[in-house]
Structure formats: structure tokens, C-alpha cells
């Protein structure tokens, strides 16, 4: 997907793709929650189906996510993160750590390795390696 950049700033360009309320939540579910089906994505936040459809379409068009037929049920699709999405895992880990430090979010064992600065780097590497291996 090509779109006109609003400026020459890489932060602004990144936000053009990722900077809405739902995109990183959808990617979180794919990258950290191993969710692949429409019905599994952002369900914890009760995202509206039209919004989820739009965000998935943007991610597919942007080359972050691949949409393929479900091998179990050909009438359904699965969504799989591609390398540009996998490259966001360190960013997500830092957002987890920041949010844990600076908001009233309750502790969540799913994110514990990302919250702890001593285990964050290894956890990020492990998740990235697992997802990258699935691309082959």
C-alpha cells in the first residue's frame, strides 16, 4: 500500500500506519497472543467488527499482515504477521513496560517478561524468533 506521507518524519510516517486506537491492539493479539482468526482479534476490548475489518484490511494492504485461507475451513481466513509486523515486537514490549510503570493497569502474567527490564530483551528475541520461523 502506498500512501502520501504527511511529512518527512519517520515518527509521523509510522503513525500514519499504526497511530489509531486499534491497530496496535490487533497486532498485539497476533504477535503476542497467537491469535489468527477474525473472531479472536481484539475481542478483549470489544472492537466493533467494521473497525476490525478496516484495520485488518489496512494491515494487509500495508504489508504487515498476510490474509490466507484457513486450512481447516476454507470458508474462513487466517491472518499472519509478516516481518514488518514482527519488527514491532520490541516497540510493543516497550509499550507494555511503559504502560505497566505509568498507568494503573493491573499486573498481567502474560506480559511479565516484557515488564521486567532484566528479561525483556530475551523475551523479545524469543517471540521474534518463533514468529520469524513460522514464516518459512
Protein backbone atom coordinates (compact mmCIF):
# COMPACT_ATOMS: atom_id res chain seq x y z
CA UNK A 1 0.00 0.00 0.00
CA UNK A 2 1.45 3.30 -0.94
CA UNK A 3 0.15 6.47 0.58
CA UNK A 4 1.32 10.01 0.65
CA UNK A 5 3.35 10.83 3.72
CA UNK A 6 2.21 13.84 5.67
CA UNK A 7 5.81 14.78 6.40
CA UNK A 8 9.37 13.56 6.13
CA UNK A 9 9.36 12.50 9.78
CA UNK A 10 9.65 8.73 10.38
CA UNK A 11 7.53 9.01 13.53
CA UNK A 12 4.71 10.68 11.61
CA UNK A 13 5.02 8.10 8.82
CA UNK A 14 4.83 5.27 11.37
CA UNK A 15 1.79 6.85 13.00
CA UNK A 16 0.11 7.09 9.60
CA UNK A 17 0.05 3.28 9.65
CA UNK A 18 -0.06 2.43 13.36
CA UNK A 19 -1.37 5.50 15.10
CA UNK A 20 -5.05 4.85 15.65
CA UNK A 21 -6.80 3.42 18.68
CA UNK A 22 -6.99 -0.20 17.46
CA UNK A 23 -4.12 -1.15 15.15
CA UNK A 24 -1.55 -1.91 17.84
CA UNK A 25 -4.17 -3.83 19.84
CA UNK A 26 -4.86 -6.04 16.81
CA UNK A 27 -1.13 -6.52 16.27
CA UNK A 28 -0.68 -7.28 19.98
CA UNK A 29 -3.18 -10.12 19.67
CA UNK A 30 -1.42 -11.52 16.61
CA UNK A 31 2.15 -11.08 17.78
CA UNK A 32 1.90 -11.75 21.50
CA UNK A 33 -1.36 -13.69 21.73
CA UNK A 34 -1.01 -16.01 18.73
CA UNK A 35 -4.48 -15.07 17.56
CA UNK A 36 -5.06 -15.60 13.86
CA UNK A 37 -8.79 -15.58 13.23
CA UNK A 38 -11.10 -12.58 12.91
CA UNK A 39 -13.23 -13.73 15.85
CA UNK A 40 -10.16 -13.88 18.14
CA UNK A 41 -8.72 -10.44 17.44
CA UNK A 42 -9.27 -7.57 19.88
CA UNK A 43 -12.14 -9.48 21.46
CA UNK A 44 -10.93 -8.46 24.94
CA UNK A 45 -11.56 -4.81 24.04
CA UNK A 46 -14.87 -5.42 22.23
CA UNK A 47 -13.77 -3.86 18.94
CA UNK A 48 -16.61 -3.31 16.50
CA UNK A 49 -16.50 -5.69 13.54
CA UNK A 50 -16.44 -2.87 10.97
CA UNK A 51 -13.44 -1.28 12.71
CA UNK A 52 -11.63 -4.64 12.93
CA UNK A 53 -12.34 -5.29 9.26
CA UNK A 54 -10.90 -1.89 8.36
CA UNK A 55 -7.77 -2.32 10.48
CA UNK A 56 -7.08 -5.79 9.12
CA UNK A 57 -7.53 -4.50 5.58
CA UNK A 58 -5.06 -1.68 6.26
CA UNK A 59 -2.53 -4.10 7.77
CA UNK A 60 -2.83 -6.47 4.80
CA UNK A 61 -2.57 -3.61 2.28
CA UNK A 62 0.38 -2.17 4.20
CA UNK A 63 2.29 -5.45 4.01
CA UNK A 64 2.33 -6.07 7.75
CA UNK A 65 -0.11 -8.97 7.74
CA UNK A 66 -0.95 -11.75 5.32
CA UNK A 67 -4.51 -12.98 4.80
CA UNK A 68 -4.84 -16.62 3.73
CA UNK A 69 -7.50 -19.31 3.55
CA UNK A 70 -7.88 -21.31 6.75
CA UNK A 71 -6.52 -24.80 6.01
CA UNK A 72 -9.13 -26.33 8.35
CA UNK A 73 -12.13 -24.43 7.00
CA UNK A 74 -11.63 -22.92 3.54
CA UNK A 75 -14.59 -20.58 4.05
CA UNK A 76 -12.66 -18.73 6.75
CA UNK A 77 -9.40 -16.82 6.68
CA UNK A 78 -6.45 -16.55 8.98
CA UNK A 79 -4.21 -13.55 9.48
CA UNK A 80 -0.48 -14.00 9.90
CA UNK A 81 2.03 -11.31 10.80
CA UNK A 82 4.81 -10.65 8.30
CA UNK A 83 8.33 -9.33 9.02
CA UNK A 84 7.34 -5.64 9.20
CA UNK A 85 4.85 -6.52 11.96
CA UNK A 86 7.30 -8.84 13.72
CA UNK A 87 9.79 -5.96 13.75
CA UNK A 88 7.32 -4.12 16.01
CA UNK A 89 7.70 -6.59 18.89
CA UNK A 90 10.43 -4.53 20.63
CA UNK A 91 8.16 -1.49 20.35
CA UNK A 92 5.24 -3.42 21.84
CA UNK A 93 7.47 -4.68 24.65
CA UNK A 94 8.49 -1.12 25.48
CA UNK A 95 4.85 -0.01 25.43
CA UNK A 96 3.99 -2.87 27.80
CA UNK A 97 6.79 -1.80 30.14
CA UNK A 98 5.86 1.89 29.92
CA UNK A 99 2.16 1.22 30.47
CA UNK A 100 2.92 -1.02 33.43
CA UNK A 101 5.06 1.69 35.03
CA UNK A 102 2.94 4.74 34.27
CA UNK A 103 -0.69 3.60 34.28
CA UNK A 104 -2.95 1.80 36.73
CA UNK A 105 -3.18 -1.32 34.56
CA UNK A 106 -3.27 -4.48 36.71
CA UNK A 107 -0.33 -6.89 36.57
CA UNK A 108 -0.72 -9.48 33.83
CA UNK A 109 1.46 -12.60 33.86
CA UNK A 110 1.30 -12.73 30.04
CA UNK A 111 3.37 -9.56 29.92
CA UNK A 112 5.64 -10.17 32.93
CA UNK A 113 8.76 -10.90 30.87
CA UNK A 114 8.31 -7.61 28.99
CA UNK A 115 7.76 -5.58 32.15
CA UNK A 116 10.95 -6.80 33.81
CA UNK A 117 13.95 -4.98 32.30
CA UNK A 118 16.18 -7.97 33.07
CA UNK A 119 14.09 -10.37 30.97
CA UNK A 120 12.67 -8.03 28.30
CA UNK A 121 15.42 -8.44 25.69
CA UNK A 122 15.39 -12.25 25.87
CA UNK A 123 11.59 -12.35 25.73
CA UNK A 124 11.56 -10.08 22.68
CA UNK A 125 14.18 -12.22 20.93
CA UNK A 126 12.28 -15.41 21.71
CA UNK A 127 8.96 -14.13 20.36
CA UNK A 128 10.59 -12.66 17.25
CA UNK A 129 12.48 -15.90 16.53
CA UNK A 130 9.32 -18.01 16.93
CA UNK A 131 7.24 -15.82 14.64
CA UNK A 132 10.01 -15.48 12.05
CA UNK A 133 10.41 -19.27 11.95
CA UNK A 134 6.70 -19.59 11.19
CA UNK A 135 7.16 -17.51 8.04
CA UNK A 136 9.24 -20.20 6.35
